[in-house]
């Protein structure tokens, strides 16, 4: 419930994944263990190879920051078994100051729902019909704090009949109730003998004893002794009924911990129930939800790393509380409801910033994490060849590599030696794909860093077909894929959209939806700014 999610952007690259992991590790090192590393998409091949090299698992996958039932301070009353008496259930309601109790099966799943109104309704009905049916003796002894006086009475598991207080003048009435009676007696020897002779279903002795000799002929009558007086016993008998009988079991409205509050609110507003059971993923009852719980939900908390653009962040962010932003991109359009910590620096990798924060706090990353962070810096700076790369990136990557006892060349080889032949164009395109809003234009840009861009362009038609379909489905003005070649130190750019835009933005003549941009290695610093200048 108190987790703080640290997440990078959608379609995460290596820097985004590792930034979430490294910032979380920093907070843990400072004793703040509520931080949880998260990701918004599948781990691409490049990141997977680096994670496997250092024996680390990827962050937790999350789908949304929308407020869910698990984020509410809902009630957690005891889940009563079906056999529990109404007396015990009522006491539980008073102790917990609630008016509804969930009733569970043996495995913790939901059986029904018992409300104070159900108990009151049952009590009122006993006025017109003072009869109980199949009342468990075990329950009766519990409620009356009684003891069973005869062994023959213990043979029966339940008792049934009309409840009668045997006043002195009611002796004749016993002749008309025979065995279908539950008789309450005080110190009335004649009445006790008469009830035993008739063979009533149950004889309850209130604040009195009985001659043991009389019990020899008690037959099947259940004889119980209680310290309570008769008028109180007459009320308590009905409270010994199992709650499985008065509780509601049909047409129950339930919610799960993962249900979104927007959906829950719609259902609640259309119904009139006082409370609703809350279930976990195994259908076990974990609490009850009422209308007032929806008034002020506790929002999820999140730290954004390696992005600050709404189109690239987790869905439902508007319902979450952003605590901090750590990024190296341009400032975009994410808005917060209150001031937050923002650290945005012009470096080539978010991990350069986070490694600096480790240094500022006097904390050393573990060797495995240091190697992972060095790889992330190499990835985002394309082995220091990107124009976004700074001297800080280079010195920090070298320092981290020394901590991990690895060679940067070896890391670079692992990063960019991808097997692209086994991947479809769709898989390659979305592995590092970002959406941008520039003025009134929507743009999608994917980047594939490789060592043989010419080989990638051999699949031109396959990529163009996927890009055209993506443009149609998502309403993009343009879709671009950058084949960034580490060896050529440039990018072969493939696009779907206006040739004039490419011609004017990059001062090159497109041919077959393709241009080569020498020296272009960075999406954020060399492609997006050119389009922004043209469209902005």
Protein backbone atom coordinates (compact mmCIF):
# COMPACT_ATOMS: atom_id res chain seq x y z
CA UNK A 1 0.00 0.00 0.00
CA UNK A 2 2.91 2.41 0.67
CA UNK A 3 4.96 1.58 -2.41
CA UNK A 4 6.62 4.31 -4.44
CA UNK A 5 7.08 3.24 -8.06
CA UNK A 6 10.17 4.36 -9.96
CA UNK A 7 9.55 4.05 -13.67
CA UNK A 8 11.02 5.06 -16.99
CA UNK A 9 9.14 5.68 -20.22
CA UNK A 10 7.02 3.38 -22.37
CA UNK A 11 8.84 0.97 -24.70
CA UNK A 12 11.79 1.25 -22.34
CA UNK A 13 15.40 1.24 -23.53
CA UNK A 14 18.42 0.21 -21.46
CA UNK A 15 18.90 3.63 -19.87
CA UNK A 16 15.25 3.77 -18.82
CA UNK A 17 15.22 0.29 -17.27
CA UNK A 18 18.54 0.69 -15.49
CA UNK A 19 17.65 4.20 -14.24
CA UNK A 20 14.60 2.78 -12.47
CA UNK A 21 16.74 0.04 -10.92
CA UNK A 22 19.65 2.28 -9.93
CA UNK A 23 17.53 5.05 -8.38
CA UNK A 24 15.58 2.44 -6.42
CA UNK A 25 18.84 0.92 -5.20
CA UNK A 26 20.00 4.38 -4.06
CA UNK A 27 16.83 4.95 -2.03
CA UNK A 28 17.13 1.47 -0.49
CA UNK A 29 20.73 2.21 0.48
CA UNK A 30 19.45 5.31 2.29
CA UNK A 31 16.94 3.19 4.24
CA UNK A 32 13.86 4.03 2.15
CA UNK A 33 12.67 0.55 1.21
CA UNK A 34 9.22 1.54 -0.04
CA UNK A 35 10.70 2.39 -3.45
CA UNK A 36 9.99 -0.22 -6.16
CA UNK A 37 11.63 -0.31 -9.60
CA UNK A 38 9.07 -0.58 -12.38
CA UNK A 39 8.85 -0.65 -16.17
CA UNK A 40 6.12 0.21 -18.68
CA UNK A 41 6.83 -2.39 -21.33
CA UNK A 42 8.77 -5.44 -22.37
CA UNK A 43 12.52 -5.58 -21.92
CA UNK A 44 14.23 -5.38 -25.31
CA UNK A 45 16.99 -7.75 -26.40
CA UNK A 46 19.79 -5.30 -25.71
CA UNK A 47 18.67 -4.72 -22.12
CA UNK A 48 18.04 -8.42 -21.57
CA UNK A 49 21.58 -9.30 -22.64
CA UNK A 50 23.07 -6.80 -20.19
CA UNK A 51 20.78 -7.89 -17.34
CA UNK A 52 21.72 -11.51 -17.96
CA UNK A 53 25.41 -10.64 -18.04
CA UNK A 54 25.22 -9.20 -14.52
CA UNK A 55 22.67 -11.70 -13.21
CA UNK A 56 19.95 -9.16 -12.45
CA UNK A 57 16.19 -9.35 -12.96
CA UNK A 58 14.20 -6.63 -14.75
CA UNK A 59 11.88 -4.32 -12.77
CA UNK A 60 8.24 -5.08 -12.10
CA UNK A 61 5.88 -4.53 -15.04
CA UNK A 62 3.08 -2.04 -14.33
CA UNK A 63 0.21 -1.13 -16.62
CA UNK A 64 -1.32 1.96 -15.06
CA UNK A 65 -1.17 4.49 -12.23
CA UNK A 66 -4.94 4.76 -12.02
CA UNK A 67 -6.24 4.54 -8.47
CA UNK A 68 -7.39 1.03 -7.55
CA UNK A 69 -9.32 -0.52 -4.70
CA UNK A 70 -6.01 -1.57 -3.13
CA UNK A 71 -5.21 2.15 -2.75
CA UNK A 72 -8.26 2.78 -0.53
CA UNK A 73 -8.36 2.65 3.27
CA UNK A 74 -11.24 0.18 3.18
CA UNK A 75 -12.45 -1.65 6.29
CA UNK A 76 -10.84 -4.94 7.25
CA UNK A 77 -13.39 -6.57 9.57
CA UNK A 78 -13.00 -10.18 10.67
CA UNK A 79 -14.30 -12.66 8.10
CA UNK A 80 -16.74 -14.82 10.04
CA UNK A 81 -17.31 -18.52 9.38
CA UNK A 82 -20.81 -19.62 8.40
CA UNK A 83 -21.26 -21.48 11.71
CA UNK A 84 -20.59 -18.45 13.92
CA UNK A 85 -23.54 -17.38 16.07
CA UNK A 86 -25.39 -14.15 15.48
CA UNK A 87 -24.48 -13.15 19.04
CA UNK A 88 -20.76 -13.31 18.24
CA UNK A 89 -21.25 -11.54 14.91
CA UNK A 90 -23.18 -8.73 16.59
CA UNK A 91 -20.44 -8.29 19.20
CA UNK A 92 -17.85 -8.13 16.40
CA UNK A 93 -19.86 -5.38 14.71
CA UNK A 94 -19.93 -3.36 17.92
CA UNK A 95 -16.24 -3.86 18.67
CA UNK A 96 -15.21 -2.82 15.15
CA UNK A 97 -17.87 -0.11 14.84
CA UNK A 98 -19.15 -1.48 11.56
CA UNK A 99 -22.58 -2.49 10.35
CA UNK A 100 -21.64 -5.20 7.82
CA UNK A 101 -19.61 -8.39 8.18
CA UNK A 102 -18.38 -10.66 5.40
CA UNK A 103 -19.15 -14.35 5.86
CA UNK A 104 -16.58 -16.74 4.45
CA UNK A 105 -16.16 -20.35 3.44
CA UNK A 106 -13.46 -22.53 4.97
CA UNK A 107 -10.98 -21.53 2.24
CA UNK A 108 -11.54 -17.81 2.84
CA UNK A 109 -13.70 -17.21 -0.21
CA UNK A 110 -16.95 -15.30 0.08
CA UNK A 111 -20.10 -17.07 1.26
CA UNK A 112 -22.31 -14.08 2.00
CA UNK A 113 -22.73 -10.73 3.68
CA UNK A 114 -24.35 -10.11 7.08
CA UNK A 115 -25.61 -6.67 8.05
CA UNK A 116 -26.97 -5.24 11.27
CA UNK A 117 -30.25 -4.91 9.41
CA UNK A 118 -30.30 -8.66 8.75
CA UNK A 119 -29.91 -9.34 12.47
CA UNK A 120 -32.63 -6.82 13.38
CA UNK A 121 -35.02 -8.26 10.78
CA UNK A 122 -34.48 -11.78 12.08
CA UNK A 123 -35.10 -10.67 15.68
CA UNK A 124 -38.36 -8.96 14.71
CA UNK A 125 -39.55 -12.05 12.88
CA UNK A 126 -39.10 -14.18 16.00
CA UNK A 127 -41.82 -12.13 17.70
CA UNK A 128 -44.45 -13.51 15.32
CA UNK A 129 -42.87 -16.95 15.02
CA UNK A 130 -40.96 -17.97 18.20
CA UNK A 131 -39.77 -21.19 16.59
CA UNK A 132 -36.21 -22.26 15.90
CA UNK A 133 -35.25 -24.96 13.45
CA UNK A 134 -32.18 -27.19 13.63
CA UNK A 135 -30.39 -25.02 16.16
CA UNK A 136 -26.88 -26.47 16.73
CA UNK A 137 -26.46 -27.52 20.36
CA UNK A 138 -22.82 -26.43 20.19
CA UNK A 139 -23.95 -22.89 19.37
CA UNK A 140 -26.63 -22.93 22.04
CA UNK A 141 -24.20 -23.96 24.78
CA UNK A 142 -21.83 -21.20 23.69
CA UNK A 143 -24.38 -18.40 23.75
CA UNK A 144 -25.97 -19.53 27.04
CA UNK A 145 -22.61 -20.29 28.66
CA UNK A 146 -24.32 -23.53 29.52
CA UNK A 147 -23.39 -27.14 30.14
CA UNK A 148 -25.04 -30.32 28.94
CA UNK A 149 -26.44 -32.40 31.82
CA UNK A 150 -27.34 -35.69 30.12
CA UNK A 151 -25.35 -37.92 27.78
CA UNK A 152 -28.42 -38.93 25.81
CA UNK A 153 -29.00 -35.29 24.91
CA UNK A 154 -25.50 -35.10 23.47
CA UNK A 155 -26.46 -37.65 20.81
CA UNK A 156 -28.43 -35.03 18.90
CA UNK A 157 -26.53 -32.30 17.07
CA UNK A 158 -29.44 -29.87 16.79
CA UNK A 159 -32.68 -29.01 18.54
CA UNK A 160 -35.90 -27.59 17.05
CA UNK A 161 -39.19 -26.29 18.32
CA UNK A 162 -41.19 -23.42 19.72
CA UNK A 163 -39.48 -21.51 22.51
CA UNK A 164 -41.63 -21.51 25.69
CA UNK A 165 -40.95 -19.94 29.05
CA UNK A 166 -42.58 -22.38 31.50
CA UNK A 167 -44.29 -20.06 33.95
CA UNK A 168 -46.28 -21.74 36.75
CA UNK A 169 -49.59 -21.08 35.01
CA UNK A 170 -48.34 -22.46 31.66
CA UNK A 171 -48.08 -26.09 32.74
CA UNK A 172 -51.15 -27.06 30.73
CA UNK A 173 -49.71 -25.48 27.60
CA UNK A 174 -46.95 -28.05 27.60
CA UNK A 175 -49.50 -30.72 26.78
CA UNK A 176 -50.09 -29.03 23.43
CA UNK A 177 -46.46 -28.54 22.38
CA UNK A 178 -45.17 -32.05 23.07
CA UNK A 179 -41.78 -32.81 21.55
CA UNK A 180 -41.62 -29.74 19.30
CA UNK A 181 -40.76 -27.44 22.19
CA UNK A 182 -37.75 -25.81 23.74
CA UNK A 183 -38.80 -25.25 27.35
CA UNK A 184 -37.21 -22.75 29.73
CA UNK A 185 -37.66 -23.57 33.43
CA UNK A 186 -36.58 -22.06 36.70
CA UNK A 187 -36.74 -23.81 40.06
CA UNK A 188 -39.96 -25.63 39.15
CA UNK A 189 -39.70 -29.38 39.90
CA UNK A 190 -43.21 -30.21 38.68
CA UNK A 191 -42.65 -28.35 35.44
CA UNK A 192 -39.30 -30.04 34.90
CA UNK A 193 -40.76 -33.51 35.46
CA UNK A 194 -43.66 -32.73 33.12
CA UNK A 195 -41.30 -31.56 30.33
CA UNK A 196 -39.16 -34.70 30.70
CA UNK A 197 -42.22 -36.93 30.64
CA UNK A 198 -43.47 -35.30 27.47
CA UNK A 199 -40.01 -35.58 25.92
CA UNK A 200 -39.57 -32.01 24.70
CA UNK A 201 -36.78 -31.35 22.27
CA UNK A 202 -34.75 -29.30 24.74
CA UNK A 203 -35.10 -28.37 28.41
CA UNK A 204 -33.11 -25.37 29.58
CA UNK A 205 -32.73 -24.98 33.34
CA UNK A 206 -32.26 -21.31 34.21
CA UNK A 207 -30.30 -20.65 37.42
CA UNK A 208 -31.33 -24.01 38.89
CA UNK A 209 -30.30 -27.68 39.10
CA UNK A 210 -32.19 -30.91 38.61
CA UNK A 211 -32.34 -34.15 40.53
CA UNK A 212 -29.91 -36.48 38.68
CA UNK A 213 -32.43 -39.29 39.10
CA UNK A 214 -34.87 -37.43 36.87
CA UNK A 215 -32.37 -37.41 34.03
CA UNK A 216 -32.31 -41.19 33.85
CA UNK A 217 -35.65 -41.08 32.09
CA UNK A 218 -34.91 -37.98 30.01
CA UNK A 219 -34.74 -40.00 26.82
CA UNK A 220 -33.71 -37.91 23.81
CA UNK A 221 -34.42 -34.60 25.52
CA UNK A 222 -31.40 -32.32 25.58
CA UNK A 223 -31.05 -30.89 29.10
CA UNK A 224 -28.95 -27.76 29.49
CA UNK A 225 -28.11 -25.74 32.58
CA UNK A 226 -27.39 -21.99 32.25
CA UNK A 227 -26.52 -19.26 34.79
CA UNK A 228 -28.86 -16.80 33.05
CA UNK A 229 -32.48 -16.11 34.04
CA UNK A 230 -35.28 -17.25 31.74
CA UNK A 231 -36.25 -13.93 30.11
CA UNK A 232 -32.65 -13.38 28.99
CA UNK A 233 -32.31 -16.94 27.76
CA UNK A 234 -35.48 -16.49 25.69
CA UNK A 235 -33.74 -13.70 23.78
CA UNK A 236 -30.33 -15.36 23.57
CA UNK A 237 -31.65 -18.56 22.01
CA UNK A 238 -32.34 -16.75 18.74
CA UNK A 239 -28.83 -15.31 18.80
CA UNK A 240 -27.42 -18.86 18.68
CA UNK A 241 -28.60 -19.25 15.08
CA UNK A 242 -25.66 -19.63 12.62
CA UNK A 243 -25.12 -16.49 10.59
CA UNK A 244 -25.27 -18.55 7.40
CA UNK A 245 -29.07 -18.39 7.67
CA UNK A 246 -29.88 -14.66 7.83
CA UNK A 247 -26.94 -13.45 5.69
CA UNK A 248 -27.33 -12.54 2.03
CA UNK A 249 -25.72 -14.99 -0.40
CA UNK A 250 -27.22 -14.11 -3.80
CA UNK A 251 -26.68 -11.22 -6.23
CA UNK A 252 -23.80 -9.82 -4.21
CA UNK A 253 -21.77 -6.98 -5.70
CA UNK A 254 -18.08 -7.53 -5.06
CA UNK A 255 -14.87 -5.75 -6.03
CA UNK A 256 -11.29 -6.92 -6.42
CA UNK A 257 -8.16 -5.20 -5.19
CA UNK A 258 -7.11 -4.51 -8.77
CA UNK A 259 -10.40 -2.87 -9.83
CA UNK A 260 -10.09 0.77 -10.81
CA UNK A 261 -11.88 3.35 -8.67
CA UNK A 262 -13.50 5.01 -11.69
CA UNK A 263 -15.27 1.75 -12.50
CA UNK A 264 -16.09 1.01 -8.87
CA UNK A 265 -17.66 4.44 -8.38
CA UNK A 266 -20.04 3.91 -11.29
CA UNK A 267 -21.27 0.61 -9.84
CA UNK A 268 -21.65 2.00 -6.32
CA UNK A 269 -23.65 5.02 -7.49
CA UNK A 270 -26.16 2.72 -9.16
CA UNK A 271 -26.75 0.53 -6.09
CA UNK A 272 -27.94 1.06 -2.53
CA UNK A 273 -25.86 -1.42 -0.55
CA UNK A 274 -24.15 -0.19 2.59
CA UNK A 275 -20.91 -2.13 2.00
CA UNK A 276 -19.30 -4.30 -0.66
CA UNK A 277 -16.90 -7.23 -0.13
CA UNK A 278 -13.34 -6.76 -1.41
CA UNK A 279 -11.60 -9.86 -2.82
CA UNK A 280 -7.98 -10.61 -3.66
CA UNK A 281 -6.67 -12.39 -6.75
CA UNK A 282 -7.57 -15.77 -5.20
CA UNK A 283 -11.16 -14.67 -4.50
CA UNK A 284 -10.46 -14.54 -0.75
CA UNK A 285 -12.18 -11.83 1.26
CA UNK A 286 -9.82 -9.10 2.46
CA UNK A 287 -12.25 -6.39 3.55
CA UNK A 288 -15.34 -4.34 2.83
CA UNK A 289 -15.78 -1.13 0.88
CA UNK A 290 -18.30 1.62 1.59
CA UNK A 291 -19.25 4.81 -0.20
CA UNK A 292 -17.27 7.10 2.07
CA UNK A 293 -14.08 5.21 1.23
CA UNK A 294 -14.37 6.59 -2.31
CA UNK A 295 -14.45 10.22 -1.21
CA UNK A 296 -10.72 10.63 -0.63
CA UNK A 297 -8.72 7.78 -2.17
CA UNK A 298 -5.02 7.45 -1.46
CA UNK A 299 -3.20 8.08 -4.73
CA UNK A 300 -0.30 5.98 -5.97
CA UNK A 301 3.12 7.60 -5.69
CA UNK A 302 5.62 7.62 -8.52
CA UNK A 303 9.09 8.87 -9.45
CA UNK A 304 9.68 9.44 -13.17
CA UNK A 305 13.12 8.73 -14.62
CA UNK A 306 14.44 9.24 -18.16
CA UNK A 307 11.33 11.10 -19.34
CA UNK A 308 8.98 13.94 -18.52
CA UNK A 309 6.55 13.78 -21.43
CA UNK A 310 2.92 12.80 -20.93
CA UNK A 311 2.76 10.73 -24.13
CA UNK A 312 5.68 8.61 -22.93
CA UNK A 313 4.67 8.09 -19.31
CA UNK A 314 2.50 5.59 -17.51
CA UNK A 315 -1.27 5.72 -18.23
CA UNK A 316 -3.29 7.21 -15.39
CA UNK A 317 -0.50 9.48 -14.20
CA UNK A 318 -3.05 12.26 -13.63
CA UNK A 319 -4.47 10.18 -10.76
CA UNK A 320 -1.06 9.60 -9.18
CA UNK A 321 1.21 11.75 -7.03
CA UNK A 322 4.49 12.52 -8.77
CA UNK A 323 7.25 12.83 -6.15
CA UNK A 324 10.27 13.51 -8.37
CA UNK A 325 11.50 13.66 -11.96
CA UNK A 326 15.07 12.73 -12.93
CA UNK A 327 15.76 13.21 -16.62
CA UNK A 328 18.13 14.41 -19.33
CA UNK A 329 15.56 15.30 -22.01
CA UNK A 330 13.84 18.56 -22.85
CA UNK A 331 11.15 19.75 -20.44
CA UNK A 332 7.78 18.70 -21.79
CA UNK A 333 4.16 18.69 -20.68
CA UNK A 334 3.81 16.69 -17.45
CA UNK A 335 1.97 18.74 -14.82
CA UNK A 336 1.91 18.13 -11.08
CA UNK A 337 -0.54 19.22 -8.38
CA UNK A 338 2.23 20.35 -6.03
CA UNK A 339 5.95 21.17 -6.15
CA UNK A 340 8.20 18.16 -6.77
CA UNK A 341 11.91 17.47 -6.86
CA UNK A 342 13.15 17.84 -10.45
CA UNK A 343 16.68 17.04 -11.58
CA UNK A 344 17.17 17.66 -15.27
CA UNK A 345 20.72 17.90 -16.59
CA UNK A 346 22.20 18.13 -20.13
CA UNK A 347 24.06 14.83 -20.14
CA UNK A 348 23.87 11.79 -22.39
CA UNK A 349 22.30 9.35 -19.93
CA UNK A 350 19.96 9.45 -16.94
CA UNK A 351 22.29 6.99 -15.22
CA UNK A 352 25.06 9.60 -15.29
CA UNK A 353 22.82 11.79 -13.13
CA UNK A 354 21.89 8.94 -10.77
CA UNK A 355 25.52 7.84 -10.45
CA UNK A 356 26.30 11.42 -9.44
CA UNK A 357 23.56 11.19 -6.79
CA UNK A 358 25.20 8.02 -5.43
CA UNK A 359 28.42 10.00 -5.15
CA UNK A 360 26.71 12.97 -3.48
CA UNK A 361 25.16 10.73 -0.83
CA UNK A 362 28.39 8.87 -0.20
CA UNK A 363 26.95 5.54 -1.35
CA UNK A 364 28.70 3.00 -3.58
CA UNK A 365 26.60 0.93 -6.00
CA UNK A 366 27.22 -2.80 -5.94
CA UNK A 367 29.66 -4.11 -8.59
CA UNK A 368 26.80 -5.66 -10.57
CA UNK A 369 24.77 -2.46 -10.49
CA UNK A 370 27.83 -0.37 -11.36
CA UNK A 371 28.42 -2.52 -14.45
CA UNK A 372 24.77 -2.20 -15.41
CA UNK A 373 24.86 1.60 -15.08
CA UNK A 374 28.04 1.78 -17.17
CA UNK A 375 26.30 -0.24 -19.89
CA UNK A 376 23.28 2.09 -19.76
CA UNK A 377 25.52 5.12 -20.30
CA UNK A 378 27.21 3.38 -23.25
CA UNK A 379 23.80 2.51 -24.70
CA UNK A 380 22.33 6.02 -24.52
CA UNK A 381 25.49 7.70 -25.79
CA UNK A 382 26.06 5.05 -28.49
CA UNK A 383 29.49 4.25 -27.12
CA UNK A 384 30.22 7.97 -26.55
CA UNK A 385 29.60 8.81 -30.25
CA UNK A 386 26.28 10.56 -29.74
CA UNK A 387 26.35 14.39 -29.69
CA UNK A 388 24.46 14.18 -26.40
CA UNK A 389 27.52 12.60 -24.80
CA UNK A 390 29.47 14.79 -22.37
CA UNK A 391 32.75 14.46 -20.55
CA UNK A 392 30.74 13.63 -17.44
CA UNK A 393 29.20 10.61 -19.19
CA UNK A 394 32.61 9.32 -20.24
CA UNK A 395 34.30 9.80 -16.85
CA UNK A 396 31.33 8.35 -14.95
CA UNK A 397 31.11 5.29 -17.24
CA UNK A 398 34.83 4.67 -16.81
CA UNK A 399 34.54 4.97 -13.03
CA UNK A 400 31.56 2.59 -12.89
CA UNK A 401 33.38 0.10 -15.14
CA UNK A 402 36.31 0.07 -12.72
CA UNK A 403 33.92 -0.62 -9.82
CA UNK A 404 32.44 -3.54 -11.78
CA UNK A 405 35.84 -4.72 -13.03
CA UNK A 406 34.63 -4.80 -16.65
CA UNK A 407 35.93 -3.35 -19.91
CA UNK A 408 33.77 -0.77 -21.68
CA UNK A 409 34.62 -2.29 -25.07
CA UNK A 410 33.26 -5.65 -23.92
CA UNK A 411 30.10 -3.99 -22.70
CA UNK A 412 29.68 -2.17 -25.99
CA UNK A 413 30.07 -5.40 -27.92
CA UNK A 414 27.34 -7.02 -25.80
CA UNK A 415 25.06 -4.03 -26.28
CA UNK A 416 25.17 -3.71 -30.04
CA UNK A 417 25.68 -7.30 -31.21
CA UNK A 418 21.97 -7.89 -31.63
CA UNK A 419 20.52 -10.72 -33.68
CA UNK A 420 18.00 -8.74 -35.72
CA UNK A 421 17.32 -11.42 -38.33
CA UNK A 422 15.12 -13.41 -35.96
CA UNK A 423 12.97 -10.38 -35.11
CA UNK A 424 10.03 -9.06 -37.09
CA UNK A 425 9.95 -5.45 -38.22
CA UNK A 426 7.14 -4.82 -35.74
CA UNK A 427 9.23 -6.14 -32.83
CA UNK A 428 12.28 -4.13 -33.86
CA UNK A 429 10.33 -0.92 -34.37
CA UNK A 430 8.56 -0.92 -30.98
CA UNK A 431 11.65 -2.01 -29.02
CA UNK A 432 12.64 1.66 -28.63
CA UNK A 433 9.74 3.76 -29.87
CA UNK A 434 8.64 7.15 -28.56
CA UNK A 435 5.68 9.38 -29.33
CA UNK A 436 6.01 13.16 -29.52
CA UNK A 437 3.53 16.05 -29.74
CA UNK A 438 5.03 19.02 -31.60
CA UNK A 439 2.64 21.95 -32.05
CA UNK A 440 -0.41 20.32 -33.69
CA UNK A 441 1.54 17.35 -35.04
CA UNK A 442 1.77 13.82 -33.69
CA UNK A 443 4.99 11.99 -34.39
CA UNK A 444 6.32 8.51 -33.65
CA UNK A 445 10.06 7.85 -33.76
CA UNK A 446 11.74 4.48 -33.30
CA UNK A 447 15.48 3.99 -33.00
CA UNK A 448 17.46 0.80 -33.69
CA UNK A 449 21.15 0.98 -32.90
CA UNK A 450 23.16 -1.50 -34.93
CA UNK A 451 26.49 -2.16 -36.62
CA UNK A 452 25.14 -2.82 -40.12
CA UNK A 453 22.40 -0.38 -41.10
CA UNK A 454 22.57 -1.41 -44.78
CA UNK A 455 21.48 -4.90 -43.80
CA UNK A 456 18.55 -3.44 -41.91
CA UNK A 457 17.48 -1.44 -44.97
CA UNK A 458 17.29 -4.65 -46.97
CA UNK A 459 14.00 -5.10 -45.08
CA UNK A 460 12.74 -1.66 -46.16
CA UNK A 461 9.37 -2.86 -47.49
CA UNK A 462 8.64 -4.83 -44.34
CA UNK A 463 9.34 -1.80 -42.15
CA UNK A 464 7.35 0.58 -44.34
CA UNK A 465 4.29 -1.67 -44.20
CA UNK A 466 4.40 -1.78 -40.39
CA UNK A 467 5.01 1.98 -40.16
CA UNK A 468 2.10 2.78 -42.51
CA UNK A 469 -0.25 0.62 -40.46
CA UNK A 470 0.92 2.27 -37.24
CA UNK A 471 0.36 5.69 -38.80
CA UNK A 472 -3.17 4.75 -39.78
CA UNK A 473 -4.13 3.21 -36.42
CA UNK A 474 -2.65 5.89 -34.17
CA UNK A 475 -3.23 8.93 -36.32
CA UNK A 476 0.41 9.96 -36.62
CA UNK A 477 1.38 12.71 -39.06
CA UNK A 478 4.68 10.93 -39.52
CA UNK A 479 6.40 7.72 -38.42
CA UNK A 480 10.20 7.53 -38.48
CA UNK A 481 12.65 4.75 -37.72
CA UNK A 482 16.31 5.59 -37.18
CA UNK A 483 18.84 2.88 -38.06
CA UNK A 484 21.73 4.34 -36.09
CA UNK A 485 24.97 2.77 -37.26
CA UNK A 486 27.74 2.67 -34.65
CA UNK A 487 30.47 1.98 -37.23
CA UNK A 488 29.33 4.59 -39.76
CA UNK A 489 28.65 7.08 -36.99
CA UNK A 490 25.43 8.14 -38.68
CA UNK A 491 21.79 7.22 -39.16
CA UNK A 492 19.86 5.82 -42.08
CA UNK A 493 16.43 7.33 -41.59
CA UNK A 494 13.32 5.58 -42.96
CA UNK A 495 10.03 7.49 -42.84
CA UNK A 496 6.33 7.40 -43.67
CA UNK A 497 4.82 10.83 -44.22
CA UNK A 498 5.62 14.05 -46.02
CA UNK A 499 8.88 14.15 -47.99
CA UNK A 500 8.83 17.95 -47.69
CA UNK A 501 9.09 17.70 -43.92
CA UNK A 502 12.24 15.55 -44.14
CA UNK A 503 13.69 17.69 -46.93
CA UNK A 504 13.16 20.97 -45.06
CA UNK A 505 14.10 19.68 -41.62
CA UNK A 506 17.37 17.98 -42.55
CA UNK A 507 18.32 19.75 -45.81
CA UNK A 508 18.62 16.45 -47.69
CA UNK A 509 16.82 14.96 -50.67
CA UNK A 510 14.81 11.84 -49.73
CA UNK A 511 14.83 8.85 -52.02
CA UNK A 512 12.50 5.86 -51.59
CA UNK A 513 11.45 7.17 -48.14
CA UNK A 514 15.07 7.06 -46.99
CA UNK A 515 17.86 9.51 -46.20
CA UNK A 516 21.31 9.09 -44.68
CA UNK A 517 22.22 11.58 -41.97
CA UNK A 518 25.96 11.51 -41.27
CA UNK A 519 26.90 12.25 -37.67
CA UNK A 520 23.30 11.90 -36.48
CA UNK A 521 23.24 9.54 -33.50
CA UNK A 522 20.69 11.09 -31.16
CA UNK A 523 16.93 11.14 -31.46
CA UNK A 524 16.41 13.77 -28.80
CA UNK A 525 19.21 16.16 -29.82
CA UNK A 526 19.46 15.81 -33.60
CA UNK A 527 16.08 14.66 -34.89
CA UNK A 528 13.34 16.00 -32.62
CA UNK A 529 14.83 19.55 -32.38
CA UNK A 530 14.97 19.80 -36.20
CA UNK A 531 11.31 18.83 -36.52
CA UNK A 532 10.38 21.12 -33.64
CA UNK A 533 12.07 24.04 -35.38
CA UNK A 534 10.16 23.25 -38.57
CA UNK A 535 6.72 22.69 -37.02
CA UNK A 536 6.98 24.89 -33.95
